[in-house]
């Protein structure tokens, strides 16, 4: 049986199971983290960097689709730093868009 533990997402305690990503735990608990490249049942493809979150104790933003949840983790899904990063990523993606 998989080990269960708790993480905190935006101040809410959420149960997680060993092997789950932050994105999976967040979605199951009603949090909406934007993604562009995430597809269920496939390996994470972190190139879009839209699903980034802040994790207490980590200096850099991390893609929630690839980062595995760990016990006592404290996650922030929305902040000025996160919004600015997501905006910059969208701008970079759009600057190279040739369709439509």
PDB file of N, CA and C in Angstrom:
ATOM      1  N   UNK A   1       0.850  -1.193   0.000  1.00  0.00           N
ATOM      2  CA  UNK A   1       0.000   0.000   0.000  1.00  0.00           C
ATOM      3  C   UNK A   1       0.886   1.243   0.000  1.00  0.00           C
ATOM      4  N   UNK A   2       0.516   2.229  -0.813  1.00  0.00           N
ATOM      5  CA  UNK A   2       1.301   3.455  -0.939  1.00  0.00           C
ATOM      6  C   UNK A   2       1.234   4.278   0.341  1.00  0.00           C
ATOM      7  N   UNK A   3       2.353   4.880   0.654  1.00  0.00           N
ATOM      8  CA  UNK A   3       2.475   5.725   1.844  1.00  0.00           C
ATOM      9  C   UNK A   3       1.694   7.027   1.636  1.00  0.00           C
ATOM     10  N   UNK A   4       0.909   7.412   2.625  1.00  0.00           N
ATOM     11  CA  UNK A   4       0.151   8.669   2.577  1.00  0.00           C
ATOM     12  C   UNK A   4       0.759   9.661   3.567  1.00  0.00           C
ATOM     13  N   UNK A   5       0.662  10.936   3.225  1.00  0.00           N
ATOM     14  CA  UNK A   5       1.201  12.006   4.055  1.00  0.00           C
ATOM     15  C   UNK A   5       0.465  13.293   3.697  1.00  0.00           C
ATOM     16  N   UNK A   6       0.809  14.380   4.371  1.00  0.00           N
ATOM     17  CA  UNK A   6       0.147  15.662   4.119  1.00  0.00           C
ATOM     18  C   UNK A   6       1.126  16.691   3.595  1.00  0.00           C
ATOM     19  N   UNK A   7       0.626  17.513   2.667  1.00  0.00           N
ATOM     20  CA  UNK A   7       1.337  18.700   2.221  1.00  0.00           C
ATOM     21  C   UNK A   7       0.381  19.876   2.400  1.00  0.00           C
ATOM     22  N   UNK A   8       0.907  21.069   2.358  1.00  0.00           N
ATOM     23  CA  UNK A   8       0.078  22.270   2.469  1.00  0.00           C
ATOM     24  C   UNK A   8       0.111  22.993   1.127  1.00  0.00           C
ATOM     25  N   UNK A   9      -1.072  23.259   0.593  1.00  0.00           N
ATOM     26  CA  UNK A   9      -1.193  24.008  -0.651  1.00  0.00           C
ATOM     27  C   UNK A   9      -2.016  25.248  -0.359  1.00  0.00           C
ATOM     28  N   UNK A  10      -1.417  26.406  -0.562  1.00  0.00           N
ATOM     29  CA  UNK A  10      -2.092  27.690  -0.312  1.00  0.00           C
ATOM     30  C   UNK A  10      -2.778  27.714   1.052  1.00  0.00           C
ATOM     31  N   UNK A  11      -2.087  27.184   2.047  1.00  0.00           N
ATOM     32  CA  UNK A  11      -2.585  27.214   3.415  1.00  0.00           C
ATOM     33  C   UNK A  11      -3.533  26.096   3.782  1.00  0.00           C
ATOM     34  N   UNK A  12      -3.901  25.236   2.830  1.00  0.00           N
ATOM     35  CA  UNK A  12      -4.827  24.128   3.097  1.00  0.00           C
ATOM     36  C   UNK A  12      -4.045  22.811   3.186  1.00  0.00           C
ATOM     37  N   UNK A  13      -4.290  22.052   4.233  1.00  0.00           N
ATOM     38  CA  UNK A  13      -3.647  20.754   4.381  1.00  0.00           C
ATOM     39  C   UNK A  13      -4.307  19.756   3.434  1.00  0.00           C
ATOM     40  N   UNK A  14      -3.493  19.059   2.634  1.00  0.00           N
ATOM     41  CA  UNK A  14      -3.998  18.134   1.626  1.00  0.00           C
ATOM     42  C   UNK A  14      -3.286  16.796   1.753  1.00  0.00           C
ATOM     43  N   UNK A  15      -4.057  15.721   1.674  1.00  0.00           N
ATOM     44  CA  UNK A  15      -3.460  14.390   1.729  1.00  0.00           C
ATOM     45  C   UNK A  15      -2.842  14.060   0.370  1.00  0.00           C
ATOM     46  N   UNK A  16      -1.660  13.489   0.417  1.00  0.00           N
ATOM     47  CA  UNK A  16      -0.954  13.083  -0.793  1.00  0.00           C
ATOM     48  C   UNK A  16      -0.526  11.633  -0.644  1.00  0.00           C
ATOM     49  N   UNK A  17      -0.301  10.998  -1.760  1.00  0.00           N
ATOM     50  CA  UNK A  17       0.161   9.627  -1.789  1.00  0.00           C
ATOM     51  C   UNK A  17       1.530   9.591  -2.444  1.00  0.00           C
ATOM     52  N   UNK A  18       2.406   8.793  -1.908  1.00  0.00           N
ATOM     53  CA  UNK A  18       3.747   8.649  -2.459  1.00  0.00           C
ATOM     54  C   UNK A  18       3.666   8.421  -3.965  1.00  0.00           C
ATOM     55  N   UNK A  19       4.463   9.191  -4.721  1.00  0.00           N
ATOM     56  CA  UNK A  19       4.480   9.074  -6.171  1.00  0.00           C
ATOM     57  C   UNK A  19       3.620  10.086  -6.897  1.00  0.00           C
ATOM     58  N   UNK A  20       2.805  10.838  -6.173  1.00  0.00           N
ATOM     59  CA  UNK A  20       1.964  11.863  -6.805  1.00  0.00           C
ATOM     60  C   UNK A  20       2.746  13.158  -6.982  1.00  0.00           C
ATOM     61  N   UNK A  21       2.422  13.868  -8.042  1.00  0.00           N
ATOM     62  CA  UNK A  21       3.004  15.187  -8.254  1.00  0.00           C
ATOM     63  C   UNK A  21       2.185  16.234  -7.515  1.00  0.00           C
ATOM     64  N   UNK A  22       2.769  17.396  -7.369  1.00  0.00           N
ATOM     65  CA  UNK A  22       2.045  18.513  -6.756  1.00  0.00           C
ATOM     66  C   UNK A  22       0.791  18.820  -7.562  1.00  0.00           C
ATOM     67  N   UNK A  23       0.885  18.791  -8.881  1.00  0.00           N
ATOM     68  CA  UNK A  23      -0.270  19.075  -9.732  1.00  0.00           C
ATOM     69  C   UNK A  23      -1.407  18.090  -9.468  1.00  0.00           C
ATOM     70  N   UNK A  24      -1.108  16.813  -9.339  1.00  0.00           N
ATOM     71  CA  UNK A  24      -2.134  15.815  -9.081  1.00  0.00           C
ATOM     72  C   UNK A  24      -2.823  16.043  -7.733  1.00  0.00           C
ATOM     73  N   UNK A  25      -2.035  16.325  -6.715  1.00  0.00           N
ATOM     74  CA  UNK A  25      -2.600  16.575  -5.385  1.00  0.00           C
ATOM     75  C   UNK A  25      -3.448  17.844  -5.425  1.00  0.00           C
ATOM     76  N   UNK A  26      -2.932  18.880  -6.065  1.00  0.00           N
ATOM     77  CA  UNK A  26      -3.657  20.153  -6.143  1.00  0.00           C
ATOM     78  C   UNK A  26      -4.997  19.975  -6.862  1.00  0.00           C
ATOM     79  N   UNK A  27      -4.982  19.329  -8.011  1.00  0.00           N
ATOM     80  CA  UNK A  27      -6.231  19.151  -8.770  1.00  0.00           C
ATOM     81  C   UNK A  27      -7.257  18.344  -7.981  1.00  0.00           C
ATOM     82  N   UNK A  28      -6.815  17.300  -7.302  1.00  0.00           N
ATOM     83  CA  UNK A  28      -7.733  16.469  -6.530  1.00  0.00           C
ATOM     84  C   UNK A  28      -8.368  17.262  -5.381  1.00  0.00           C
ATOM     85  N   UNK A  29      -7.678  18.300  -4.923  1.00  0.00           N
ATOM     86  CA  UNK A  29      -8.167  19.113  -3.809  1.00  0.00           C
ATOM     87  C   UNK A  29      -8.806  20.426  -4.263  1.00  0.00           C
ATOM     88  N   UNK A  30      -9.112  20.530  -5.545  1.00  0.00           N
ATOM     89  CA  UNK A  30      -9.856  21.681  -6.047  1.00  0.00           C
ATOM     90  C   UNK A  30      -9.042  22.892  -6.441  1.00  0.00           C
ATOM     91  N   UNK A  31      -7.727  22.788  -6.443  1.00  0.00           N
ATOM     92  CA  UNK A  31      -6.881  23.907  -6.865  1.00  0.00           C
ATOM     93  C   UNK A  31      -6.708  23.845  -8.378  1.00  0.00           C
ATOM     94  N   UNK A  32      -6.761  24.982  -9.014  1.00  0.00           N
ATOM     95  CA  UNK A  32      -6.597  25.068 -10.458  1.00  0.00           C
ATOM     96  C   UNK A  32      -5.225  25.663 -10.767  1.00  0.00           C
ATOM     97  N   UNK A  33      -4.342  24.838 -11.288  1.00  0.00           N
ATOM     98  CA  UNK A  33      -3.022  25.291 -11.716  1.00  0.00           C
ATOM     99  C   UNK A  33      -3.020  25.208 -13.235  1.00  0.00           C
ATOM    100  N   UNK A  34      -2.758  26.320 -13.927  1.00  0.00           N
ATOM    101  CA  UNK A  34      -2.783  26.280 -15.394  1.00  0.00           C
ATOM    102  C   UNK A  34      -1.660  25.411 -15.948  1.00  0.00           C
ATOM    103  N   UNK A  35      -1.955  24.726 -17.038  1.00  0.00           N
ATOM    104  CA  UNK A  35      -0.953  23.902 -17.725  1.00  0.00           C
ATOM    105  C   UNK A  35      -1.177  24.034 -19.231  1.00  0.00           C
ATOM    106  N   UNK A  36      -0.128  23.807 -19.978  1.00  0.00           N
ATOM    107  CA  UNK A  36      -0.250  23.733 -21.436  1.00  0.00           C
ATOM    108  C   UNK A  36       0.223  22.385 -21.958  1.00  0.00           C
ATOM    109  N   UNK A  37       1.284  21.857 -21.386  1.00  0.00           N
ATOM    110  CA  UNK A  37       1.871  20.637 -21.949  1.00  0.00           C
ATOM    111  C   UNK A  37       1.528  19.388 -21.155  1.00  0.00           C
ATOM    112  N   UNK A  38       0.847  19.507 -20.032  1.00  0.00           N
ATOM    113  CA  UNK A  38       0.542  18.346 -19.200  1.00  0.00           C
ATOM    114  C   UNK A  38      -0.574  17.522 -19.809  1.00  0.00           C
ATOM    115  N   UNK A  39      -0.325  16.214 -19.936  1.00  0.00           N
ATOM    116  CA  UNK A  39      -1.355  15.282 -20.384  1.00  0.00           C
ATOM    117  C   UNK A  39      -1.336  14.096 -19.431  1.00  0.00           C
ATOM    118  N   UNK A  40      -2.503  13.740 -18.918  1.00  0.00           N
ATOM    119  CA  UNK A  40      -2.591  12.596 -18.018  1.00  0.00           C
ATOM    120  C   UNK A  40      -2.081  11.347 -18.726  1.00  0.00           C
ATOM    121  N   UNK A  41      -1.549  10.440 -17.949  1.00  0.00           N
ATOM    122  CA  UNK A  41      -1.057   9.148 -18.442  1.00  0.00           C
ATOM    123  C   UNK A  41       0.174   9.262 -19.348  1.00  0.00           C
ATOM    124  N   UNK A  42       0.866  10.385 -19.322  1.00  0.00           N
ATOM    125  CA  UNK A  42       2.127  10.518 -20.039  1.00  0.00           C
ATOM    126  C   UNK A  42       3.174  11.053 -19.071  1.00  0.00           C
ATOM    127  N   UNK A  43       4.416  10.903 -19.422  1.00  0.00           N
ATOM    128  CA  UNK A  43       5.495  11.453 -18.596  1.00  0.00           C
ATOM    129  C   UNK A  43       5.429  12.979 -18.660  1.00  0.00           C
ATOM    130  N   UNK A  44       5.820  13.664 -17.581  1.00  0.00           N
ATOM    131  CA  UNK A  44       5.811  15.136 -17.604  1.00  0.00           C
ATOM    132  C   UNK A  44       6.692  15.678 -18.725  1.00  0.00           C
ATOM    133  N   UNK A  45       6.213  16.698 -19.381  1.00  0.00           N
ATOM    134  CA  UNK A  45       6.944  17.400 -20.428  1.00  0.00           C
ATOM    135  C   UNK A  45       6.983  18.852 -19.983  1.00  0.00           C
ATOM    136  N   UNK A  46       7.959  19.209 -19.181  1.00  0.00           N
ATOM    137  CA  UNK A  46       7.956  20.472 -18.436  1.00  0.00           C
ATOM    138  C   UNK A  46       8.344  21.697 -19.255  1.00  0.00           C
ATOM    139  N   UNK A  47       8.371  21.601 -20.561  1.00  0.00           N
ATOM    140  CA  UNK A  47       8.893  22.692 -21.375  1.00  0.00           C
ATOM    141  C   UNK A  47       8.063  23.969 -21.333  1.00  0.00           C
ATOM    142  N   UNK A  48       6.769  23.890 -21.091  1.00  0.00           N
ATOM    143  CA  UNK A  48       5.969  25.125 -21.128  1.00  0.00           C
ATOM    144  C   UNK A  48       6.172  25.968 -19.873  1.00  0.00           C
ATOM    145  N   UNK A  49       6.428  25.347 -18.748  1.00  0.00           N
ATOM    146  CA  UNK A  49       6.707  26.022 -17.479  1.00  0.00           C
ATOM    147  C   UNK A  49       5.550  26.904 -17.004  1.00  0.00           C
ATOM    148  N   UNK A  50       4.345  26.591 -17.448  1.00  0.00           N
ATOM    149  CA  UNK A  50       3.165  27.368 -17.056  1.00  0.00           C
ATOM    150  C   UNK A  50       2.651  26.928 -15.690  1.00  0.00           C
ATOM    151  N   UNK A  51       2.868  25.679 -15.324  1.00  0.00           N
ATOM    152  CA  UNK A  51       2.311  25.134 -14.080  1.00  0.00           C
ATOM    153  C   UNK A  51       3.234  25.330 -12.873  1.00  0.00           C
ATOM    154  N   UNK A  52       4.143  26.291 -12.965  1.00  0.00           N
ATOM    155  CA  UNK A  52       5.100  26.485 -11.867  1.00  0.00           C
ATOM    156  C   UNK A  52       4.417  26.882 -10.565  1.00  0.00           C
ATOM    157  N   UNK A  53       5.049  26.467  -9.476  1.00  0.00           N
ATOM    158  CA  UNK A  53       4.607  26.805  -8.125  1.00  0.00           C
ATOM    159  C   UNK A  53       5.844  27.158  -7.301  1.00  0.00           C
ATOM    160  N   UNK A  54       5.595  27.772  -6.161  1.00  0.00           N
ATOM    161  CA  UNK A  54       6.662  28.035  -5.193  1.00  0.00           C
ATOM    162  C   UNK A  54       6.577  26.974  -4.113  1.00  0.00           C
ATOM    163  N   UNK A  55       7.736  26.453  -3.722  1.00  0.00           N
ATOM    164  CA  UNK A  55       7.814  25.492  -2.636  1.00  0.00           C
ATOM    165  C   UNK A  55       8.742  26.074  -1.583  1.00  0.00           C
ATOM    166  N   UNK A  56       8.235  26.197  -0.363  1.00  0.00           N
ATOM    167  CA  UNK A  56       9.020  26.779   0.721  1.00  0.00           C
ATOM    168  C   UNK A  56      10.344  26.025   0.853  1.00  0.00           C
ATOM    169  N   UNK A  57      11.419  26.793   0.916  1.00  0.00           N
ATOM    170  CA  UNK A  57      12.752  26.213   1.058  1.00  0.00           C
ATOM    171  C   UNK A  57      13.476  26.003  -0.255  1.00  0.00           C
ATOM    172  N   UNK A  58      12.777  26.151  -1.371  1.00  0.00           N
ATOM    173  CA  UNK A  58      13.409  26.012  -2.687  1.00  0.00           C
ATOM    174  C   UNK A  58      13.571  27.403  -3.290  1.00  0.00           C
ATOM    175  N   UNK A  59      14.754  27.734  -3.790  1.00  0.00           N
ATOM    176  CA  UNK A  59      14.966  29.089  -4.330  1.00  0.00           C
ATOM    177  C   UNK A  59      14.270  29.346  -5.665  1.00  0.00           C
ATOM    178  N   UNK A  60      14.065  28.294  -6.451  1.00  0.00           N
ATOM    179  CA  UNK A  60      13.498  28.472  -7.786  1.00  0.00           C
ATOM    180  C   UNK A  60      12.067  27.958  -7.852  1.00  0.00           C
ATOM    181  N   UNK A  61      11.326  28.499  -8.799  1.00  0.00           N
ATOM    182  CA  UNK A  61       9.997  27.972  -9.074  1.00  0.00           C
ATOM    183  C   UNK A  61      10.145  26.570  -9.647  1.00  0.00           C
ATOM    184  N   UNK A  62       9.135  25.742  -9.449  1.00  0.00           N
ATOM    185  CA  UNK A  62       9.205  24.360  -9.917  1.00  0.00           C
ATOM    186  C   UNK A  62       7.937  23.999 -10.682  1.00  0.00           C
ATOM    187  N   UNK A  63       8.063  23.211 -11.767  1.00  0.00           N
ATOM    188  CA  UNK A  63       6.883  22.775 -12.500  1.00  0.00           C
ATOM    189  C   UNK A  63       6.107  21.743 -11.681  1.00  0.00           C
ATOM    190  N   UNK A  64       4.864  22.039 -11.382  1.00  0.00           N
ATOM    191  CA  UNK A  64       4.066  21.164 -10.528  1.00  0.00           C
ATOM    192  C   UNK A  64       3.726  19.845 -11.197  1.00  0.00           C
ATOM    193  N   UNK A  65       3.825  19.767 -12.517  1.00  0.00           N
ATOM    194  CA  UNK A  65       3.513  18.528 -13.229  1.00  0.00           C
ATOM    195  C   UNK A  65       4.596  17.481 -13.054  1.00  0.00           C
ATOM    196  N   UNK A  66       5.787  17.892 -12.639  1.00  0.00           N
ATOM    197  CA  UNK A  66       6.909  16.955 -12.526  1.00  0.00           C
ATOM    198  C   UNK A  66       7.420  16.787 -11.100  1.00  0.00           C
ATOM    199  N   UNK A  67       7.198  17.775 -10.245  1.00  0.00           N
ATOM    200  CA  UNK A  67       7.748  17.718  -8.889  1.00  0.00           C
ATOM    201  C   UNK A  67       6.881  16.826  -8.008  1.00  0.00           C
ATOM    202  N   UNK A  68       7.488  15.780  -7.469  1.00  0.00           N
ATOM    203  CA  UNK A  68       6.755  14.873  -6.592  1.00  0.00           C
ATOM    204  C   UNK A  68       6.498  15.526  -5.244  1.00  0.00           C
ATOM    205  N   UNK A  69       5.309  15.311  -4.732  1.00  0.00           N
ATOM    206  CA  UNK A  69       4.952  15.809  -3.410  1.00  0.00           C
ATOM    207  C   UNK A  69       5.751  15.048  -2.361  1.00  0.00           C
ATOM    208  N   UNK A  70       6.123  15.748  -1.300  1.00  0.00           N
ATOM    209  CA  UNK A  70       6.808  15.101  -0.174  1.00  0.00           C
ATOM    210  C   UNK A  70       6.220  15.634   1.130  1.00  0.00           C
ATOM    211  N   UNK A  71       6.347  14.840   2.164  1.00  0.00           N
ATOM    212  CA  UNK A  71       5.733  15.161   3.457  1.00  0.00           C
ATOM    213  C   UNK A  71       6.144  16.543   3.933  1.00  0.00           C
ATOM    214  N   UNK A  72       5.170  17.265   4.474  1.00  0.00           N
ATOM    215  CA  UNK A  72       5.367  18.588   5.067  1.00  0.00           C
ATOM    216  C   UNK A  72       5.677  19.681   4.042  1.00  0.00           C
ATOM    217  N   UNK A  73       5.610  19.387   2.776  1.00  0.00           N
ATOM    218  CA  UNK A  73       5.882  20.373   1.736  1.00  0.00           C
ATOM    219  C   UNK A  73       4.862  21.505   1.843  1.00  0.00           C
ATOM    220  N   UNK A  74       5.325  22.743   1.668  1.00  0.00           N
ATOM    221  CA  UNK A  74       4.453  23.910   1.675  1.00  0.00           C
ATOM    222  C   UNK A  74       4.509  24.558   0.298  1.00  0.00           C
ATOM    223  N   UNK A  75       3.365  24.543  -0.388  1.00  0.00           N
ATOM    224  CA  UNK A  75       3.282  24.959  -1.782  1.00  0.00           C
ATOM    225  C   UNK A  75       2.409  26.199  -1.917  1.00  0.00           C
ATOM    226  N   UNK A  76       2.852  27.130  -2.747  1.00  0.00           N
ATOM    227  CA  UNK A  76       2.061  28.304  -3.110  1.00  0.00           C
ATOM    228  C   UNK A  76       1.794  28.222  -4.600  1.00  0.00           C
ATOM    229  N   UNK A  77       0.514  28.330  -4.990  1.00  0.00           N
ATOM    230  CA  UNK A  77       0.158  28.198  -6.402  1.00  0.00           C
ATOM    231  C   UNK A  77      -0.066  29.531  -7.100  1.00  0.00           C
ATOM    232  N   UNK A  78      -0.116  30.621  -6.338  1.00  0.00           N
ATOM    233  CA  UNK A  78      -0.357  31.925  -6.943  1.00  0.00           C
ATOM    234  C   UNK A  78       0.334  33.003  -6.116  1.00  0.00           C
ATOM    235  N   UNK A  79       1.162  33.775  -6.775  1.00  0.00           N
ATOM    236  CA  UNK A  79       1.856  34.896  -6.152  1.00  0.00           C
ATOM    237  C   UNK A  79       2.310  35.824  -7.281  1.00  0.00           C
ATOM    238  N   UNK A  80       2.717  37.040  -6.968  1.00  0.00           N
ATOM    239  CA  UNK A  80       3.223  37.916  -8.032  1.00  0.00           C
ATOM    240  C   UNK A  80       4.389  37.288  -8.802  1.00  0.00           C
ATOM    241  N   UNK A  81       5.284  36.614  -8.109  1.00  0.00           N
ATOM    242  CA  UNK A  81       6.432  35.965  -8.758  1.00  0.00           C
ATOM    243  C   UNK A  81       5.953  34.875  -9.729  1.00  0.00           C
ATOM    244  N   UNK A  82       4.996  34.070  -9.320  1.00  0.00           N
ATOM    245  CA  UNK A  82       4.462  33.010 -10.177  1.00  0.00           C
ATOM    246  C   UNK A  82       3.743  33.603 -11.376  1.00  0.00           C
ATOM    247  N   UNK A  83       2.900  34.600 -11.153  1.00  0.00           N
ATOM    248  CA  UNK A  83       2.169  35.220 -12.264  1.00  0.00           C
ATOM    249  C   UNK A  83       3.128  35.833 -13.275  1.00  0.00           C
ATOM    250  N   UNK A  84       4.185  36.494 -12.804  1.00  0.00           N
ATOM    251  CA  UNK A  84       5.169  37.102 -13.705  1.00  0.00           C
ATOM    252  C   UNK A  84       5.902  36.034 -14.519  1.00  0.00           C
ATOM    253  N   UNK A  85       6.243  34.938 -13.886  1.00  0.00           N
ATOM    254  CA  UNK A  85       6.908  33.845 -14.591  1.00  0.00           C
ATOM    255  C   UNK A  85       5.995  33.250 -15.659  1.00  0.00           C
ATOM    256  N   UNK A  86       4.747  32.993 -15.310  1.00  0.00           N
ATOM    257  CA  UNK A  86       3.796  32.432 -16.269  1.00  0.00           C
ATOM    258  C   UNK A  86       3.576  33.381 -17.440  1.00  0.00           C
ATOM    259  N   UNK A  87       3.479  34.664 -17.143  1.00  0.00           N
ATOM    260  CA  UNK A  87       3.290  35.672 -18.191  1.00  0.00           C
ATOM    261  C   UNK A  87       4.483  35.678 -19.148  1.00  0.00           C
ATOM    262  N   UNK A  88       5.697  35.638 -18.603  1.00  0.00           N
ATOM    263  CA  UNK A  88       6.900  35.631 -19.438  1.00  0.00           C
ATOM    264  C   UNK A  88       6.942  34.382 -20.320  1.00  0.00           C
ATOM    265  N   UNK A  89       6.547  33.244 -19.767  1.00  0.00           N
ATOM    266  CA  UNK A  89       6.541  32.001 -20.547  1.00  0.00           C
ATOM    267  C   UNK A  89       5.529  32.065 -21.678  1.00  0.00           C
ATOM    268  N   UNK A  90       4.354  32.586 -21.401  1.00  0.00           N
ATOM    269  CA  UNK A  90       3.330  32.731 -22.452  1.00  0.00           C
ATOM    270  C   UNK A  90       3.829  33.679 -23.541  1.00  0.00           C
ATOM    271  N   UNK A  91       4.453  34.780 -23.140  1.00  0.00           N
ATOM    272  CA  UNK A  91       4.978  35.732 -24.119  1.00  0.00           C
ATOM    273  C   UNK A  91       6.038  35.085 -25.005  1.00  0.00           C
ATOM    274  N   UNK A  92       6.919  34.278 -24.405  1.00  0.00           N
ATOM    275  CA  UNK A  92       7.941  33.578 -25.195  1.00  0.00           C
ATOM    276  C   UNK A  92       7.309  32.571 -26.150  1.00  0.00           C
ATOM    277  N   UNK A  93       6.329  31.826 -25.672  1.00  0.00           N
ATOM    278  CA  UNK A  93       5.649  30.873 -26.542  1.00  0.00           C
ATOM    279  C   UNK A  93       4.948  31.581 -27.691  1.00  0.00           C
ATOM    280  N   UNK A  94       4.291  32.695 -27.405  1.00  0.00           N
ATOM    281  CA  UNK A  94       3.557  33.431 -28.439  1.00  0.00           C
ATOM    282  C   UNK A  94       4.498  34.119 -29.436  1.00  0.00           C
ATOM    283  N   UNK A  95       5.674  34.528 -28.984  1.00  0.00           N
ATOM    284  CA  UNK A  95       6.602  35.214 -29.866  1.00  0.00           C
ATOM    285  C   UNK A  95       7.120  34.295 -30.968  1.00  0.00           C
ATOM    286  N   UNK A  96       7.064  32.991 -30.745  1.00  0.00           N
ATOM    287  CA  UNK A  96       7.542  32.019 -31.720  1.00  0.00           C
ATOM    288  C   UNK A  96       6.395  31.307 -32.428  1.00  0.00           C
ATOM    289  N   UNK A  97       5.163  31.746 -32.189  1.00  0.00           N
ATOM    290  CA  UNK A  97       3.983  31.097 -32.772  1.00  0.00           C
ATOM    291  C   UNK A  97       3.799  31.552 -34.217  1.00  0.00           C
ATOM    292  N   UNK A  98       3.698  30.611 -35.127  1.00  0.00           N
ATOM    293  CA  UNK A  98       3.583  30.949 -36.540  1.00  0.00           C
ATOM    294  C   UNK A  98       2.209  30.611 -37.135  1.00  0.00           C
ATOM    295  N   UNK A  99       1.369  29.933 -36.367  1.00  0.00           N
ATOM    296  CA  UNK A  99       0.082  29.475 -36.907  1.00  0.00           C
ATOM    297  C   UNK A  99      -1.003  30.519 -36.865  1.00  0.00           C
ATOM    298  N   UNK A 100      -2.099  30.170 -37.431  1.00  0.00           N
ATOM    299  CA  UNK A 100      -3.317  30.977 -37.434  1.00  0.00           C
ATOM    300  C   UNK A 100      -3.062  32.350 -37.983  1.00  0.00           C
TER     301      UNK A 100
END
